[in-house]
Amino acid sequence: MTGDDELLQVEKVIERLITRYPSVSSVDIEHIVRTVHKRLAESRVRDFIPLLVEKAARRDLAARATATESVG
């Protein structure tokens, strides 16, 4: 996977998560995804980065949704 392909896939992750979590602002989702992607910047094997980014971002968003529900 080239760097351009990886960035394209990360953009698609953002789009999917915006659709999946309509109650979360798109700015917050983009921030979460880009933060996770940045944490993986030094990884040697790049093929699975978009998948790992999506999985970690979903986990963060699910935890955020759970925290919001327990407060509200």
PDB file of N, CA and C in Angstrom:
ATOM      1  N   MET A   1       0.855  -1.178   0.000  1.00  0.00           N
ATOM      2  CA  MET A   1       0.000   0.000   0.000  1.00  0.00           C
ATOM      3  C   MET A   1       0.896   1.235   0.000  1.00  0.00           C
ATOM      4  N   THR A   2       0.632   2.114  -0.921  1.00  0.00           N
ATOM      5  CA  THR A   2       1.405   3.356  -0.978  1.00  0.00           C
ATOM      6  C   THR A   2       0.867   4.350   0.043  1.00  0.00           C
ATOM      7  N   GLY A   3       1.629   5.390   0.285  1.00  0.00           N
ATOM      8  CA  GLY A   3       1.191   6.422   1.224  1.00  0.00           C
ATOM      9  C   GLY A   3      -0.107   7.083   0.787  1.00  0.00           C
ATOM     10  N   ASP A   4      -0.243   7.300  -0.530  1.00  0.00           N
ATOM     11  CA  ASP A   4      -1.475   7.902  -1.043  1.00  0.00           C
ATOM     12  C   ASP A   4      -2.675   6.985  -0.839  1.00  0.00           C
ATOM     13  N   ASP A   5      -2.469   5.682  -1.074  1.00  0.00           N
ATOM     14  CA  ASP A   5      -3.546   4.716  -0.857  1.00  0.00           C
ATOM     15  C   ASP A   5      -3.961   4.694   0.611  1.00  0.00           C
ATOM     16  N   GLU A   6      -2.981   4.734   1.486  1.00  0.00           N
ATOM     17  CA  GLU A   6      -3.270   4.726   2.915  1.00  0.00           C
ATOM     18  C   GLU A   6      -4.086   5.951   3.308  1.00  0.00           C
ATOM     19  N   LEU A   7      -3.686   7.115   2.827  1.00  0.00           N
ATOM     20  CA  LEU A   7      -4.426   8.341   3.152  1.00  0.00           C
ATOM     21  C   LEU A   7      -5.848   8.303   2.607  1.00  0.00           C
ATOM     22  N   LEU A   8      -6.006   7.748   1.419  1.00  0.00           N
ATOM     23  CA  LEU A   8      -7.337   7.602   0.831  1.00  0.00           C
ATOM     24  C   LEU A   8      -8.195   6.677   1.694  1.00  0.00           C
ATOM     25  N   GLN A   9      -7.621   5.587   2.139  1.00  0.00           N
ATOM     26  CA  GLN A   9      -8.357   4.650   2.989  1.00  0.00           C
ATOM     27  C   GLN A   9      -8.729   5.288   4.333  1.00  0.00           C
ATOM     28  N   VAL A  10      -7.841   6.096   4.877  1.00  0.00           N
ATOM     29  CA  VAL A  10      -8.139   6.786   6.142  1.00  0.00           C
ATOM     30  C   VAL A  10      -9.288   7.778   5.936  1.00  0.00           C
ATOM     31  N   GLU A  11      -9.315   8.447   4.804  1.00  0.00           N
ATOM     32  CA  GLU A  11     -10.437   9.345   4.494  1.00  0.00           C
ATOM     33  C   GLU A  11     -11.750   8.563   4.425  1.00  0.00           C
ATOM     34  N   LYS A  12     -11.707   7.365   3.859  1.00  0.00           N
ATOM     35  CA  LYS A  12     -12.905   6.528   3.785  1.00  0.00           C
ATOM     36  C   LYS A  12     -13.338   6.077   5.175  1.00  0.00           C
ATOM     37  N   VAL A  13     -12.370   5.826   6.057  1.00  0.00           N
ATOM     38  CA  VAL A  13     -12.689   5.484   7.446  1.00  0.00           C
ATOM     39  C   VAL A  13     -13.455   6.636   8.084  1.00  0.00           C
ATOM     40  N   ILE A  14     -12.989   7.850   7.871  1.00  0.00           N
ATOM     41  CA  ILE A  14     -13.664   9.027   8.429  1.00  0.00           C
ATOM     42  C   ILE A  14     -15.098   9.099   7.917  1.00  0.00           C
ATOM     43  N   GLU A  15     -15.286   8.910   6.629  1.00  0.00           N
ATOM     44  CA  GLU A  15     -16.631   8.947   6.044  1.00  0.00           C
ATOM     45  C   GLU A  15     -17.531   7.873   6.649  1.00  0.00           C
ATOM     46  N   ARG A  16     -17.019   6.658   6.792  1.00  0.00           N
ATOM     47  CA  ARG A  16     -17.829   5.568   7.358  1.00  0.00           C
ATOM     48  C   ARG A  16     -18.227   5.862   8.796  1.00  0.00           C
ATOM     49  N   LEU A  17     -17.284   6.391   9.570  1.00  0.00           N
ATOM     50  CA  LEU A  17     -17.576   6.659  10.976  1.00  0.00           C
ATOM     51  C   LEU A  17     -18.531   7.831  11.148  1.00  0.00           C
ATOM     52  N   ILE A  18     -18.461   8.809  10.272  1.00  0.00           N
ATOM     53  CA  ILE A  18     -19.422   9.922  10.313  1.00  0.00           C
ATOM     54  C   ILE A  18     -20.828   9.387  10.070  1.00  0.00           C
ATOM     55  N   THR A  19     -20.953   8.445   9.147  1.00  0.00           N
ATOM     56  CA  THR A  19     -22.254   7.834   8.866  1.00  0.00           C
ATOM     57  C   THR A  19     -22.712   6.969  10.035  1.00  0.00           C
ATOM     58  N   ARG A  20     -21.797   6.227  10.614  1.00  0.00           N
ATOM     59  CA  ARG A  20     -22.140   5.295  11.694  1.00  0.00           C
ATOM     60  C   ARG A  20     -22.464   6.010  13.009  1.00  0.00           C
ATOM     61  N   TYR A  21     -21.833   7.137  13.262  1.00  0.00           N
ATOM     62  CA  TYR A  21     -22.034   7.880  14.516  1.00  0.00           C
ATOM     63  C   TYR A  21     -22.551   9.286  14.218  1.00  0.00           C
ATOM     64  N   PRO A  22     -23.811   9.400  13.797  1.00  0.00           N
ATOM     65  CA  PRO A  22     -24.349  10.719  13.426  1.00  0.00           C
ATOM     66  C   PRO A  22     -24.469  11.686  14.604  1.00  0.00           C
ATOM     67  N   SER A  23     -24.481  11.174  15.820  1.00  0.00           N
ATOM     68  CA  SER A  23     -24.613  12.058  16.979  1.00  0.00           C
ATOM     69  C   SER A  23     -23.283  12.704  17.378  1.00  0.00           C
ATOM     70  N   VAL A  24     -22.187  12.238  16.796  1.00  0.00           N
ATOM     71  CA  VAL A  24     -20.863  12.800  17.083  1.00  0.00           C
ATOM     72  C   VAL A  24     -20.514  13.755  15.949  1.00  0.00           C
ATOM     73  N   SER A  25     -19.968  14.892  16.295  1.00  0.00           N
ATOM     74  CA  SER A  25     -19.638  15.867  15.245  1.00  0.00           C
ATOM     75  C   SER A  25     -18.558  15.305  14.319  1.00  0.00           C
ATOM     76  N   SER A  26     -18.663  15.657  13.065  1.00  0.00           N
ATOM     77  CA  SER A  26     -17.695  15.179  12.077  1.00  0.00           C
ATOM     78  C   SER A  26     -16.286  15.681  12.404  1.00  0.00           C
ATOM     79  N   VAL A  27     -16.194  16.849  13.011  1.00  0.00           N
ATOM     80  CA  VAL A  27     -14.886  17.389  13.407  1.00  0.00           C
ATOM     81  C   VAL A  27     -14.253  16.503  14.474  1.00  0.00           C
ATOM     82  N   ASP A  28     -15.059  16.059  15.444  1.00  0.00           N
ATOM     83  CA  ASP A  28     -14.542  15.173  16.493  1.00  0.00           C
ATOM     84  C   ASP A  28     -14.107  13.834  15.914  1.00  0.00           C
ATOM     85  N   ILE A  29     -14.903  13.293  15.012  1.00  0.00           N
ATOM     86  CA  ILE A  29     -14.559  12.008  14.391  1.00  0.00           C
ATOM     87  C   ILE A  29     -13.254  12.141  13.613  1.00  0.00           C
ATOM     88  N   GLU A  30     -13.144  13.184  12.835  1.00  0.00           N
ATOM     89  CA  GLU A  30     -11.916  13.385  12.057  1.00  0.00           C
ATOM     90  C   GLU A  30     -10.712  13.531  12.976  1.00  0.00           C
ATOM     91  N   HIS A  31     -10.878  14.248  14.073  1.00  0.00           N
ATOM     92  CA  HIS A  31      -9.786  14.428  15.035  1.00  0.00           C
ATOM     93  C   HIS A  31      -9.367  13.080  15.638  1.00  0.00           C
ATOM     94  N   ILE A  32     -10.334  12.275  16.031  1.00  0.00           N
ATOM     95  CA  ILE A  32     -10.035  10.965  16.609  1.00  0.00           C
ATOM     96  C   ILE A  32      -9.282  10.099  15.608  1.00  0.00           C
ATOM     97  N   VAL A  33      -9.786  10.028  14.381  1.00  0.00           N
ATOM     98  CA  VAL A  33      -9.158   9.181  13.360  1.00  0.00           C
ATOM     99  C   VAL A  33      -7.736   9.663  13.068  1.00  0.00           C
ATOM    100  N   ARG A  34      -7.564  10.950  12.911  1.00  0.00           N
ATOM    101  CA  ARG A  34      -6.228  11.471  12.591  1.00  0.00           C
ATOM    102  C   ARG A  34      -5.253  11.287  13.763  1.00  0.00           C
ATOM    103  N   THR A  35      -5.748  11.381  14.986  1.00  0.00           N
ATOM    104  CA  THR A  35      -4.905  11.147  16.154  1.00  0.00           C
ATOM    105  C   THR A  35      -4.443   9.692  16.209  1.00  0.00           C
ATOM    106  N   VAL A  36      -5.373   8.775  15.973  1.00  0.00           N
ATOM    107  CA  VAL A  36      -5.019   7.355  15.950  1.00  0.00           C
ATOM    108  C   VAL A  36      -4.030   7.085  14.817  1.00  0.00           C
ATOM    109  N   HIS A  37      -4.286   7.640  13.659  1.00  0.00           N
ATOM    110  CA  HIS A  37      -3.398   7.446  12.509  1.00  0.00           C
ATOM    111  C   HIS A  37      -1.995   7.964  12.827  1.00  0.00           C
ATOM    112  N   LYS A  38      -1.915   9.084  13.494  1.00  0.00           N
ATOM    113  CA  LYS A  38      -0.631   9.663  13.859  1.00  0.00           C
ATOM    114  C   LYS A  38       0.136   8.763  14.822  1.00  0.00           C
ATOM    115  N   ARG A  39      -0.588   8.118  15.751  1.00  0.00           N
ATOM    116  CA  ARG A  39       0.064   7.201  16.703  1.00  0.00           C
ATOM    117  C   ARG A  39       0.711   6.028  15.992  1.00  0.00           C
ATOM    118  N   LEU A  40       0.180   5.662  14.829  1.00  0.00           N
ATOM    119  CA  LEU A  40       0.702   4.517  14.083  1.00  0.00           C
ATOM    120  C   LEU A  40       1.704   4.922  13.003  1.00  0.00           C
ATOM    121  N   ALA A  41       2.134   6.164  13.021  1.00  0.00           N
ATOM    122  CA  ALA A  41       3.000   6.696  11.965  1.00  0.00           C
ATOM    123  C   ALA A  41       4.340   5.964  11.862  1.00  0.00           C
ATOM    124  N   GLU A  42       4.848   5.451  12.945  1.00  0.00           N
ATOM    125  CA  GLU A  42       6.156   4.794  12.936  1.00  0.00           C
ATOM    126  C   GLU A  42       6.082   3.298  12.646  1.00  0.00           C
ATOM    127  N   SER A  43       4.895   2.783  12.410  1.00  0.00           N
ATOM    128  CA  SER A  43       4.737   1.350  12.138  1.00  0.00           C
ATOM    129  C   SER A  43       5.425   0.981  10.836  1.00  0.00           C
ATOM    130  N   ARG A  44       6.111  -0.129  10.843  1.00  0.00           N
ATOM    131  CA  ARG A  44       6.825  -0.568   9.642  1.00  0.00           C
ATOM    132  C   ARG A  44       5.892  -1.145   8.585  1.00  0.00           C
ATOM    133  N   VAL A  45       5.007  -2.024   9.003  1.00  0.00           N
ATOM    134  CA  VAL A  45       4.083  -2.662   8.067  1.00  0.00           C
ATOM    135  C   VAL A  45       2.866  -1.755   7.942  1.00  0.00           C
ATOM    136  N   ARG A  46       2.623  -1.227   6.746  1.00  0.00           N
ATOM    137  CA  ARG A  46       1.602  -0.230   6.530  1.00  0.00           C
ATOM    138  C   ARG A  46       0.291  -0.808   6.002  1.00  0.00           C
ATOM    139  N   ASP A  47       0.288  -2.070   5.565  1.00  0.00           N
ATOM    140  CA  ASP A  47      -0.878  -2.640   4.889  1.00  0.00           C
ATOM    141  C   ASP A  47      -2.159  -2.604   5.720  1.00  0.00           C
ATOM    142  N   PHE A  48      -2.043  -2.740   7.020  1.00  0.00           N
ATOM    143  CA  PHE A  48      -3.231  -2.842   7.871  1.00  0.00           C
ATOM    144  C   PHE A  48      -3.517  -1.569   8.660  1.00  0.00           C
ATOM    145  N   ILE A  49      -2.792  -0.518   8.392  1.00  0.00           N
ATOM    146  CA  ILE A  49      -2.975   0.729   9.146  1.00  0.00           C
ATOM    147  C   ILE A  49      -4.411   1.241   9.080  1.00  0.00           C
ATOM    148  N   PRO A  50      -5.045   1.333   7.898  1.00  0.00           N
ATOM    149  CA  PRO A  50      -6.433   1.829   7.882  1.00  0.00           C
ATOM    150  C   PRO A  50      -7.379   0.971   8.732  1.00  0.00           C
ATOM    151  N   LEU A  51      -7.194  -0.335   8.692  1.00  0.00           N
ATOM    152  CA  LEU A  51      -8.029  -1.230   9.501  1.00  0.00           C
ATOM    153  C   LEU A  51      -7.801  -0.980  10.993  1.00  0.00           C
ATOM    154  N   LEU A  52      -6.549  -0.857  11.386  1.00  0.00           N
ATOM    155  CA  LEU A  52      -6.230  -0.610  12.791  1.00  0.00           C
ATOM    156  C   LEU A  52      -6.734   0.759  13.250  1.00  0.00           C
ATOM    157  N   VAL A  53      -6.637   1.740  12.373  1.00  0.00           N
ATOM    158  CA  VAL A  53      -7.141   3.077  12.685  1.00  0.00           C
ATOM    159  C   VAL A  53      -8.647   3.024  12.907  1.00  0.00           C
ATOM    160  N   GLU A  54      -9.359   2.348  12.012  1.00  0.00           N
ATOM    161  CA  GLU A  54     -10.813   2.269  12.142  1.00  0.00           C
ATOM    162  C   GLU A  54     -11.214   1.548  13.420  1.00  0.00           C
ATOM    163  N   LYS A  55     -10.536   0.449  13.711  1.00  0.00           N
ATOM    164  CA  LYS A  55     -10.871  -0.326  14.916  1.00  0.00           C
ATOM    165  C   LYS A  55     -10.654   0.513  16.177  1.00  0.00           C
ATOM    166  N   ALA A  56      -9.528   1.193  16.263  1.00  0.00           N
ATOM    167  CA  ALA A  56      -9.235   2.017  17.439  1.00  0.00           C
ATOM    168  C   ALA A  56     -10.194   3.202  17.544  1.00  0.00           C
ATOM    169  N   ALA A  57     -10.510   3.822  16.415  1.00  0.00           N
ATOM    170  CA  ALA A  57     -11.432   4.959  16.426  1.00  0.00           C
ATOM    171  C   ALA A  57     -12.831   4.523  16.849  1.00  0.00           C
ATOM    172  N   ARG A  58     -13.273   3.368  16.359  1.00  0.00           N
ATOM    173  CA  ARG A  58     -14.594   2.856  16.787  1.00  0.00           C
ATOM    174  C   ARG A  58     -14.620   2.600  18.281  1.00  0.00           C
ATOM    175  N   ARG A  59     -13.526   2.041  18.799  1.00  0.00           N
ATOM    176  CA  ARG A  59     -13.456   1.781  20.237  1.00  0.00           C
ATOM    177  C   ARG A  59     -13.555   3.093  21.016  1.00  0.00           C
ATOM    178  N   ASP A  60     -12.830   4.123  20.559  1.00  0.00           N
ATOM    179  CA  ASP A  60     -12.884   5.427  21.227  1.00  0.00           C
ATOM    180  C   ASP A  60     -14.276   6.041  21.146  1.00  0.00           C
ATOM    181  N   LEU A  61     -14.899   5.946  19.987  1.00  0.00           N
ATOM    182  CA  LEU A  61     -16.244   6.505  19.807  1.00  0.00           C
ATOM    183  C   LEU A  61     -17.281   5.746  20.629  1.00  0.00           C
ATOM    184  N   ALA A  62     -17.152   4.437  20.705  1.00  0.00           N
ATOM    185  CA  ALA A  62     -18.081   3.641  21.512  1.00  0.00           C
ATOM    186  C   ALA A  62     -17.934   3.988  22.993  1.00  0.00           C
ATOM    187  N   ALA A  63     -16.699   4.174  23.439  1.00  0.00           N
ATOM    188  CA  ALA A  63     -16.467   4.554  24.839  1.00  0.00           C
ATOM    189  C   ALA A  63     -17.046   5.933  25.117  1.00  0.00           C
ATOM    190  N   ARG A  64     -16.905   6.826  24.159  1.00  0.00           N
ATOM    191  CA  ARG A  64     -17.463   8.170  24.305  1.00  0.00           C
ATOM    192  C   ARG A  64     -18.985   8.117  24.380  1.00  0.00           C
ATOM    193  N   ALA A  65     -19.600   7.288  23.540  1.00  0.00           N
ATOM    194  CA  ALA A  65     -21.060   7.153  23.535  1.00  0.00           C
ATOM    195  C   ALA A  65     -21.543   6.570  24.864  1.00  0.00           C
ATOM    196  N   THR A  66     -20.829   5.605  25.387  1.00  0.00           N
ATOM    197  CA  THR A  66     -21.185   4.987  26.660  1.00  0.00           C
ATOM    198  C   THR A  66     -21.072   6.000  27.792  1.00  0.00           C
ATOM    199  N   ALA A  67     -20.019   6.800  27.779  1.00  0.00           N
ATOM    200  CA  ALA A  67     -19.832   7.818  28.816  1.00  0.00           C
ATOM    201  C   ALA A  67     -20.932   8.863  28.741  1.00  0.00           C
ATOM    202  N   THR A  68     -21.318   9.234  27.535  1.00  0.00           N
ATOM    203  CA  THR A  68     -22.382  10.226  27.352  1.00  0.00           C
ATOM    204  C   THR A  68     -23.714   9.690  27.854  1.00  0.00           C
ATOM    205  N   GLU A  69     -23.999   8.427  27.572  1.00  0.00           N
ATOM    206  CA  GLU A  69     -25.251   7.817  28.013  1.00  0.00           C
ATOM    207  C   GLU A  69     -25.316   7.729  29.527  1.00  0.00           C
ATOM    208  N   SER A  70     -24.198   7.402  30.186  1.00  0.00           N
ATOM    209  CA  SER A  70     -24.220   7.271  31.633  1.00  0.00           C
ATOM    210  C   SER A  70     -24.343   8.610  32.331  1.00  0.00           C
ATOM    211  N   VAL A  71     -23.887   9.675  31.684  1.00  0.00           N
ATOM    212  CA  VAL A  71     -24.005  11.023  32.255  1.00  0.00           C
ATOM    213  C   VAL A  71     -25.418  11.540  32.069  1.00  0.00           C
ATOM    214  N   GLY A  72     -25.981  11.292  30.889  1.00  0.00           N
ATOM    215  CA  GLY A  72     -27.290  11.834  30.541  1.00  0.00           C
ATOM    216  C   GLY A  72     -28.376  11.056  31.099  1.00  0.00           C
TER     217      GLY A  72
END
